[in-house]
C-alpha atoms as a PDB file:
ATOM      1  CA  UNK A   1      -3.664  46.460  58.462  1.00  0.00           C
ATOM      2  CA  UNK A   2      -7.553  47.630  59.684  1.00  0.00           C
ATOM      3  CA  UNK A   3      -9.343  44.524  60.682  1.00  0.00           C
ATOM      4  CA  UNK A   4      -5.996  43.726  62.737  1.00  0.00           C
ATOM      5  CA  UNK A   5      -7.023  46.665  65.302  1.00  0.00           C
ATOM      6  CA  UNK A   6     -10.373  46.089  64.951  1.00  0.00           C
ATOM      7  CA  UNK A   7      -9.405  42.573  65.809  1.00  0.00           C
ATOM      8  CA  UNK A   8      -7.250  44.126  68.588  1.00  0.00           C
ATOM      9  CA  UNK A   9      -9.914  45.956  70.006  1.00  0.00           C
ATOM     10  CA  UNK A  10     -12.387  43.616  70.298  1.00  0.00           C
ATOM     11  CA  UNK A  11     -10.354  40.968  72.752  1.00  0.00           C
ATOM     12  CA  UNK A  12     -10.617  43.739  74.766  1.00  0.00           C
ATOM     13  CA  UNK A  13     -14.134  42.277  75.155  1.00  0.00           C
ATOM     14  CA  UNK A  14     -12.800  39.499  77.391  1.00  0.00           C
ATOM     15  CA  UNK A  15     -10.938  41.396  79.647  1.00  0.00           C
ATOM     16  CA  UNK A  16     -13.691  39.842  82.198  1.00  0.00           C
ATOM     17  CA  UNK A  17     -11.862  36.560  82.023  1.00  0.00           C
ATOM     18  CA  UNK A  18      -9.253  38.126  84.963  1.00  0.00           C
ATOM     19  CA  UNK A  19     -12.725  37.711  86.805  1.00  0.00           C
ATOM     20  CA  UNK A  20     -12.967  33.623  86.058  1.00  0.00           C
ATOM     21  CA  UNK A  21     -11.451  32.986  89.547  1.00  0.00           C
ATOM     22  CA  UNK A  22     -13.518  34.556  91.661  1.00  0.00           C
ATOM     23  CA  UNK A  23     -15.492  32.134  93.804  1.00  0.00           C
ATOM     24  CA  UNK A  24     -18.995  32.555  93.554  1.00  0.00           C
ATOM     25  CA  UNK A  25     -19.141  34.438  97.458  1.00  0.00           C
ATOM     26  CA  UNK A  26     -16.031  37.195  96.183  1.00  0.00           C
ATOM     27  CA  UNK A  27     -18.087  38.157  93.008  1.00  0.00           C
ATOM     28  CA  UNK A  28     -20.708  39.079  95.343  1.00  0.00           C
ATOM     29  CA  UNK A  29     -18.948  41.558  96.687  1.00  0.00           C
ATOM     30  CA  UNK A  30     -17.221  42.361  93.052  1.00  0.00           C
ATOM     31  CA  UNK A  31     -20.357  42.781  91.282  1.00  0.00           C
ATOM     32  CA  UNK A  32     -21.765  45.754  93.232  1.00  0.00           C
ATOM     33  CA  UNK A  33     -18.570  47.799  92.840  1.00  0.00           C
ATOM     34  CA  UNK A  34     -18.084  46.536  88.678  1.00  0.00           C
ATOM     35  CA  UNK A  35     -22.126  47.969  88.674  1.00  0.00           C
ATOM     36  CA  UNK A  36     -21.156  51.689  90.098  1.00  0.00           C
ATOM     37  CA  UNK A  37     -17.914  51.393  87.434  1.00  0.00           C
ATOM     38  CA  UNK A  38     -20.074  50.742  85.290  1.00  0.00           C
ATOM     39  CA  UNK A  39     -22.098  53.438  85.493  1.00  0.00           C
ATOM     40  CA  UNK A  40     -19.282  55.768  86.285  1.00  0.00           C
ATOM     41  CA  UNK A  41     -18.363  54.852  82.868  1.00  0.00           C
ATOM     42  CA  UNK A  42     -22.065  54.483  80.484  1.00  0.00           C
ATOM     43  CA  UNK A  43     -22.517  58.944  81.954  1.00  0.00           C
ATOM     44  CA  UNK A  44     -18.859  59.420  81.470  1.00  0.00           C
ATOM     45  CA  UNK A  45     -18.561  58.231  78.545  1.00  0.00           C
ATOM     46  CA  UNK A  46     -21.974  59.636  76.568  1.00  0.00           C
ATOM     47  CA  UNK A  47     -20.937  62.884  78.267  1.00  0.00           C
ATOM     48  CA  UNK A  48     -17.437  63.565  77.720  1.00  0.00           C
ATOM     49  CA  UNK A  49     -16.748  61.598  74.822  1.00  0.00           C
ATOM     50  CA  UNK A  50     -19.720  60.742  72.480  1.00  0.00           C
ATOM     51  CA  UNK A  51     -21.720  64.125  72.547  1.00  0.00           C
ATOM     52  CA  UNK A  52     -19.131  66.435  72.969  1.00  0.00           C
ATOM     53  CA  UNK A  53     -17.881  64.193  69.354  1.00  0.00           C
ATOM     54  CA  UNK A  54     -21.159  64.397  68.547  1.00  0.00           C
ATOM     55  CA  UNK A  55     -21.166  68.584  68.429  1.00  0.00           C
ATOM     56  CA  UNK A  56     -18.530  68.971  66.781  1.00  0.00           C
ATOM     57  CA  UNK A  57     -20.080  68.134  63.520  1.00  0.00           C
ATOM     58  CA  UNK A  58     -23.998  69.211  64.586  1.00  0.00           C
ATOM     59  CA  UNK A  59     -25.784  71.156  65.766  1.00  0.00           C
ATOM     60  CA  UNK A  60     -26.875  71.626  69.335  1.00  0.00           C
ATOM     61  CA  UNK A  61     -30.615  70.804  69.097  1.00  0.00           C
ATOM     62  CA  UNK A  62     -29.868  67.725  66.844  1.00  0.00           C
ATOM     63  CA  UNK A  63     -27.182  66.521  68.924  1.00  0.00           C
ATOM     64  CA  UNK A  64     -30.276  67.141  71.653  1.00  0.00           C
ATOM     65  CA  UNK A  65     -33.172  65.195  69.666  1.00  0.00           C
ATOM     66  CA  UNK A  66     -30.778  62.242  68.662  1.00  0.00           C
ATOM     67  CA  UNK A  67     -29.817  62.014  72.464  1.00  0.00           C
ATOM     68  CA  UNK A  68     -33.671  62.028  73.062  1.00  0.00           C
ATOM     69  CA  UNK A  69     -34.860  59.186  70.663  1.00  0.00           C
ATOM     70  CA  UNK A  70     -31.307  57.555  71.983  1.00  0.00           C
ATOM     71  CA  UNK A  71     -33.175  57.540  75.608  1.00  0.00           C
ATOM     72  CA  UNK A  72     -36.705  57.319  74.510  1.00  0.00           C
ATOM     73  CA  UNK A  73     -35.745  54.412  72.023  1.00  0.00           C
ATOM     74  CA  UNK A  74     -34.115  52.089  74.983  1.00  0.00           C
ATOM     75  CA  UNK A  75     -37.609  52.899  77.495  1.00  0.00           C
ATOM     76  CA  UNK A  76     -39.664  50.933  74.678  1.00  0.00           C
ATOM     77  CA  UNK A  77     -36.916  48.036  73.869  1.00  0.00           C
ATOM     78  CA  UNK A  78     -36.576  47.935  77.712  1.00  0.00           C
ATOM     79  CA  UNK A  79     -40.631  47.239  77.554  1.00  0.00           C
ATOM     80  CA  UNK A  80     -40.505  45.100  74.766  1.00  0.00           C
ATOM     81  CA  UNK A  81     -37.717  42.745  75.885  1.00  0.00           C
ATOM     82  CA  UNK A  82     -39.134  42.792  79.540  1.00  0.00           C
ATOM     83  CA  UNK A  83     -42.203  41.223  77.886  1.00  0.00           C
ATOM     84  CA  UNK A  84     -40.736  39.078  76.070  1.00  0.00           C
ATOM     85  CA  UNK A  85     -38.564  37.346  78.963  1.00  0.00           C
ATOM     86  CA  UNK A  86     -40.054  38.275  82.208  1.00  0.00           C
ATOM     87  CA  UNK A  87     -42.995  36.447  83.466  1.00  0.00           C
ATOM     88  CA  UNK A  88     -45.328  37.021  86.743  1.00  0.00           C
ATOM     89  CA  UNK A  89     -42.724  39.869  87.629  1.00  0.00           C
ATOM     90  CA  UNK A  90     -39.473  37.135  87.785  1.00  0.00           C
ATOM     91  CA  UNK A  91     -36.323  38.009  84.775  1.00  0.00           C
ATOM     92  CA  UNK A  92     -34.403  34.944  84.642  1.00  0.00           C
ATOM     93  CA  UNK A  93     -31.648  37.734  82.841  1.00  0.00           C
ATOM     94  CA  UNK A  94     -32.571  41.278  83.390  1.00  0.00           C
ATOM     95  CA  UNK A  95     -33.363  43.400  80.636  1.00  0.00           C
ATOM     96  CA  UNK A  96     -31.134  45.656  80.685  1.00  0.00           C
ATOM     97  CA  UNK A  97     -28.358  43.627  79.986  1.00  0.00           C
ATOM     98  CA  UNK A  98     -30.176  43.208  76.269  1.00  0.00           C
ATOM     99  CA  UNK A  99     -30.201  46.767  76.478  1.00  0.00           C
ATOM    100  CA  UNK A 100     -26.266  47.342  77.469  1.00  0.00           C
ATOM    101  CA  UNK A 101     -25.344  45.076  74.891  1.00  0.00           C
ATOM    102  CA  UNK A 102     -27.334  46.664  71.586  1.00  0.00           C
ATOM    103  CA  UNK A 103     -25.725  49.961  72.767  1.00  0.00           C
ATOM    104  CA  UNK A 104     -22.520  48.758  73.332  1.00  0.00           C
ATOM    105  CA  UNK A 105     -22.632  47.310  69.672  1.00  0.00           C
ATOM    106  CA  UNK A 106     -23.904  50.548  68.483  1.00  0.00           C
ATOM    107  CA  UNK A 107     -20.771  52.424  69.905  1.00  0.00           C
ATOM    108  CA  UNK A 108     -18.746  49.760  69.037  1.00  0.00           C
ATOM    109  CA  UNK A 109     -20.021  50.175  65.594  1.00  0.00           C
ATOM    110  CA  UNK A 110     -18.781  53.502  65.466  1.00  0.00           C
ATOM    111  CA  UNK A 111     -15.641  52.633  66.855  1.00  0.00           C
ATOM    112  CA  UNK A 112     -14.627  50.292  63.765  1.00  0.00           C
ATOM    113  CA  UNK A 113     -15.670  53.067  61.333  1.00  0.00           C
ATOM    114  CA  UNK A 114     -13.388  55.449  63.338  1.00  0.00           C
ATOM    115  CA  UNK A 115     -10.712  52.934  62.787  1.00  0.00           C
ATOM    116  CA  UNK A 116     -11.091  51.907  59.276  1.00  0.00           C
ATOM    117  CA  UNK A 117     -11.189  55.481  58.041  1.00  0.00           C
ATOM    118  CA  UNK A 118      -8.556  56.891  60.152  1.00  0.00           C
ATOM    119  CA  UNK A 119      -6.285  54.361  57.979  1.00  0.00           C
ATOM    120  CA  UNK A 120      -7.536  55.423  54.805  1.00  0.00           C
ATOM    121  CA  UNK A 121      -6.768  58.162  55.642  1.00  0.00           C
ATOM    122  CA  UNK A 122      -2.738  57.203  56.658  1.00  0.00           C
ATOM    123  CA  UNK A 123      -1.295  54.949  59.185  1.00  0.00           C
ATOM    124  CA  UNK A 124      -0.572  57.242  61.868  1.00  0.00           C
ATOM    125  CA  UNK A 125      -3.431  58.523  62.719  1.00  0.00           C
ATOM    126  CA  UNK A 126      -5.395  54.980  62.125  1.00  0.00           C
ATOM    127  CA  UNK A 127      -2.443  53.779  65.233  1.00  0.00           C
ATOM    128  CA  UNK A 128      -3.165  56.482  66.734  1.00  0.00           C
ATOM    129  CA  UNK A 129      -7.247  56.099  67.147  1.00  0.00           C
ATOM    130  CA  UNK A 130      -6.673  52.467  67.320  1.00  0.00           C
ATOM    131  CA  UNK A 131      -4.685  53.207  70.391  1.00  0.00           C
ATOM    132  CA  UNK A 132      -7.179  56.255  71.675  1.00  0.00           C
ATOM    133  CA  UNK A 133      -9.912  53.745  71.486  1.00  0.00           C
ATOM    134  CA  UNK A 134      -8.005  50.128  73.210  1.00  0.00           C
ATOM    135  CA  UNK A 135      -7.598  52.702  76.219  1.00  0.00           C
ATOM    136  CA  UNK A 136     -11.843  53.259  75.895  1.00  0.00           C
ATOM    137  CA  UNK A 137     -12.454  50.470  75.918  1.00  0.00           C
ATOM    138  CA  UNK A 138     -11.147  48.805  78.973  1.00  0.00           C
ATOM    139  CA  UNK A 139     -12.872  51.050  81.773  1.00  0.00           C
ATOM    140  CA  UNK A 140     -16.301  50.045  79.631  1.00  0.00           C
ATOM    141  CA  UNK A 141     -15.709  46.374  79.065  1.00  0.00           C
ATOM    142  CA  UNK A 142     -15.149  45.883  82.595  1.00  0.00           C
ATOM    143  CA  UNK A 143     -17.982  47.594  83.761  1.00  0.00           C
ATOM    144  CA  UNK A 144     -20.167  45.489  81.105  1.00  0.00           C
ATOM    145  CA  UNK A 145     -18.833  42.329  81.886  1.00  0.00           C
ATOM    146  CA  UNK A 146     -19.918  43.506  85.662  1.00  0.00           C
ATOM    147  CA  UNK A 147     -23.222  44.427  83.950  1.00  0.00           C
ATOM    148  CA  UNK A 148     -23.870  41.602  82.152  1.00  0.00           C
ATOM    149  CA  UNK A 149     -22.493  39.101  85.724  1.00  0.00           C
ATOM    150  CA  UNK A 150     -25.370  41.193  87.852  1.00  0.00           C
ATOM    151  CA  UNK A 151     -28.042  41.033  85.552  1.00  0.00           C
ATOM    152  CA  UNK A 152     -28.315  37.244  85.356  1.00  0.00           C
ATOM    153  CA  UNK A 153     -25.002  35.906  82.952  1.00  0.00           C
ATOM    154  CA  UNK A 154     -22.971  33.013  83.985  1.00  0.00           C
ATOM    155  CA  UNK A 155     -19.559  34.459  83.147  1.00  0.00           C
ATOM    156  CA  UNK A 156     -18.795  32.105  80.634  1.00  0.00           C
ATOM    157  CA  UNK A 157     -21.811  33.677  79.094  1.00  0.00           C
ATOM    158  CA  UNK A 158     -21.438  37.328  79.799  1.00  0.00           C
ATOM    159  CA  UNK A 159     -18.290  36.310  78.030  1.00  0.00           C
ATOM    160  CA  UNK A 160     -19.374  35.368  74.812  1.00  0.00           C
ATOM    161  CA  UNK A 161     -21.895  37.776  75.049  1.00  0.00           C
ATOM    162  CA  UNK A 162     -19.908  41.024  75.340  1.00  0.00           C
ATOM    163  CA  UNK A 163     -17.589  39.438  72.241  1.00  0.00           C
ATOM    164  CA  UNK A 164     -20.632  39.050  69.930  1.00  0.00           C
ATOM    165  CA  UNK A 165     -21.323  43.013  70.893  1.00  0.00           C
ATOM    166  CA  UNK A 166     -17.792  43.682  70.003  1.00  0.00           C
ATOM    167  CA  UNK A 167     -17.125  42.307  66.487  1.00  0.00           C
ATOM    168  CA  UNK A 168     -19.796  45.203  65.483  1.00  0.00           C
ATOM    169  CA  UNK A 169     -17.040  46.852  64.957  1.00  0.00           C
ATOM    170  CA  UNK A 170     -15.620  44.983  61.867  1.00  0.00           C
ATOM    171  CA  UNK A 171     -19.343  45.516  60.912  1.00  0.00           C
ATOM    172  CA  UNK A 172     -18.169  49.114  60.725  1.00  0.00           C
ATOM    173  CA  UNK A 173     -14.945  48.787  59.141  1.00  0.00           C
ATOM    174  CA  UNK A 174     -16.043  46.745  56.819  1.00  0.00           C
ATOM    175  CA  UNK A 175     -19.030  49.044  55.574  1.00  0.00           C
ATOM    176  CA  UNK A 176     -16.124  52.144  55.831  1.00  0.00           C
ATOM    177  CA  UNK A 177     -14.053  50.476  53.456  1.00  0.00           C
ATOM    178  CA  UNK A 178     -16.062  49.478  50.831  1.00  0.00           C
ATOM    179  CA  UNK A 179     -18.338  52.651  50.935  1.00  0.00           C
ATOM    180  CA  UNK A 180     -14.348  54.672  50.767  1.00  0.00           C
ATOM    181  CA  UNK A 181     -15.836  56.617  48.053  1.00  0.00           C
ATOM    182  CA  UNK A 182     -19.029  57.801  50.043  1.00  0.00           C
ATOM    183  CA  UNK A 183     -17.444  58.707  53.120  1.00  0.00           C
ATOM    184  CA  UNK A 184     -19.147  62.339  53.744  1.00  0.00           C
ATOM    185  CA  UNK A 185     -22.715  60.378  54.324  1.00  0.00           C
ATOM    186  CA  UNK A 186     -20.655  57.360  56.275  1.00  0.00           C
ATOM    187  CA  UNK A 187     -18.746  60.489  58.269  1.00  0.00           C
ATOM    188  CA  UNK A 188     -22.512  62.154  58.731  1.00  0.00           C
ATOM    189  CA  UNK A 189     -24.711  58.509  60.044  1.00  0.00           C
ATOM    190  CA  UNK A 190     -21.181  57.875  62.596  1.00  0.00           C
ATOM    191  CA  UNK A 191     -21.836  60.986  63.766  1.00  0.00           C
ATOM    192  CA  UNK A 192     -25.697  61.015  64.211  1.00  0.00           C
ATOM    193  CA  UNK A 193     -24.770  56.992  65.730  1.00  0.00           C
ATOM    194  CA  UNK A 194     -22.681  58.950  68.726  1.00  0.00           C
ATOM    195  CA  UNK A 195     -25.447  61.165  70.213  1.00  0.00           C
ATOM    196  CA  UNK A 196     -27.682  57.966  70.304  1.00  0.00           C
ATOM    197  CA  UNK A 197     -25.651  55.554  71.930  1.00  0.00           C
ATOM    198  CA  UNK A 198     -25.050  58.343  74.463  1.00  0.00           C
ATOM    199  CA  UNK A 199     -28.613  58.351  74.866  1.00  0.00           C
ATOM    200  CA  UNK A 200     -28.677  54.630  75.649  1.00  0.00           C
ATOM    201  CA  UNK A 201     -26.026  54.859  77.758  1.00  0.00           C
ATOM    202  CA  UNK A 202     -27.759  57.874  79.793  1.00  0.00           C
ATOM    203  CA  UNK A 203     -30.840  55.635  80.092  1.00  0.00           C
ATOM    204  CA  UNK A 204     -29.164  52.458  80.880  1.00  0.00           C
ATOM    205  CA  UNK A 205     -27.111  54.276  83.692  1.00  0.00           C
ATOM    206  CA  UNK A 206     -29.490  56.439  85.366  1.00  0.00           C
ATOM    207  CA  UNK A 207     -32.723  54.108  85.418  1.00  0.00           C
ATOM    208  CA  UNK A 208     -31.313  50.820  85.917  1.00  0.00           C
ATOM    209  CA  UNK A 209     -28.051  50.489  87.004  1.00  0.00           C
ATOM    210  CA  UNK A 210     -28.591  53.003  89.911  1.00  0.00           C
ATOM    211  CA  UNK A 211     -31.849  52.279  91.323  1.00  0.00           C
ATOM    212  CA  UNK A 212     -30.145  48.418  91.331  1.00  0.00           C
ATOM    213  CA  UNK A 213     -27.326  50.359  93.146  1.00  0.00           C
ATOM    214  CA  UNK A 214     -30.104  52.060  95.804  1.00  0.00           C
ATOM    215  CA  UNK A 215     -31.021  48.065  97.233  1.00  0.00           C
ATOM    216  CA  UNK A 216     -27.462  48.236  99.096  1.00  0.00           C
ATOM    217  CA  UNK A 217     -28.115  51.243 102.007  1.00  0.00           C
ATOM    218  CA  UNK A 218     -25.741  50.481 104.490  1.00  0.00           C
ATOM    219  CA  UNK A 219     -23.282  53.317 104.688  1.00  0.00           C
ATOM    220  CA  UNK A 220     -20.274  51.950 103.466  1.00  0.00           C
ATOM    221  CA  UNK A 221     -20.668  50.403 101.106  1.00  0.00           C
ATOM    222  CA  UNK A 222     -22.588  53.310  99.448  1.00  0.00           C
ATOM    223  CA  UNK A 223     -19.540  55.141 100.123  1.00  0.00           C
ATOM    224  CA  UNK A 224     -17.380  52.436  97.848  1.00  0.00           C
ATOM    225  CA  UNK A 225     -20.628  52.635  95.602  1.00  0.00           C
ATOM    226  CA  UNK A 226     -19.813  56.596  94.710  1.00  0.00           C
ATOM    227  CA  UNK A 227     -15.805  56.319  94.886  1.00  0.00           C
ATOM    228  CA  UNK A 228     -16.315  53.293  92.057  1.00  0.00           C
ATOM    229  CA  UNK A 229     -18.831  55.813  90.282  1.00  0.00           C
ATOM    230  CA  UNK A 230     -16.688  58.564  90.595  1.00  0.00           C
ATOM    231  CA  UNK A 231     -13.475  56.419  89.419  1.00  0.00           C
ATOM    232  CA  UNK A 232     -15.174  55.673  85.481  1.00  0.00           C
ATOM    233  CA  UNK A 233     -16.136  59.106  85.144  1.00  0.00           C
ATOM    234  CA  UNK A 234     -12.384  60.404  86.064  1.00  0.00           C
ATOM    235  CA  UNK A 235     -11.441  57.613  83.671  1.00  0.00           C
ATOM    236  CA  UNK A 236     -13.624  58.635  81.073  1.00  0.00           C
ATOM    237  CA  UNK A 237     -12.354  62.108  81.824  1.00  0.00           C
ATOM    238  CA  UNK A 238      -8.605  61.363  81.953  1.00  0.00           C
ATOM    239  CA  UNK A 239      -8.910  58.839  78.853  1.00  0.00           C
ATOM    240  CA  UNK A 240     -10.311  61.519  77.589  1.00  0.00           C
ATOM    241  CA  UNK A 241      -7.053  63.674  77.203  1.00  0.00           C
ATOM    242  CA  UNK A 242      -4.561  60.776  76.276  1.00  0.00           C
ATOM    243  CA  UNK A 243      -7.515  61.056  72.945  1.00  0.00           C
END
């Protein structure tokens, strides 16, 4: 039951299939809105979900330092990726694509831990946790697909990489099941990973995605970007109550 639920959640990563039929011109127009939507979703996920959940178990100072550590870590990771993959200022794939995959992978790992722990408590709680995870994964995976395409991946590769990132949920679920006797340690580890992932999401949204949006300066386009950001935030806020 645990692995079936995790598989169902992981398959949400293929939601980008909805955009495979778009021609290149239409996809380029939609991409800017998807990047805007992803910015709002990442910020909403960090400030409305990950950080509040971690504050329930950790003190404010500890959460703050883990958020900061996530931001600093992702900063250095981007520096390394830029040095490794970019030459003469040209990047075939922008570094923030890989950062997004790492941040999403950490988030999915924690989701797998939560689903497994919920089912080990009782089936009803496990089904509730699975439903909540699916609900918040749908808008996030749509945004992730747009980010990967915008960063330079082709559509099929973006789907494949997104799914690989989603499969870290299996590692989280399996490790939780195997180490169930040490659940307190697992719970603490998951709690610490939440603000760290939040720091990564904040870094990606604020330093990589939003600066890209400033390249489009026409009034209509700016209004649409703002609307898409607010939509991402609104959906994450709504999902907070549904969870």
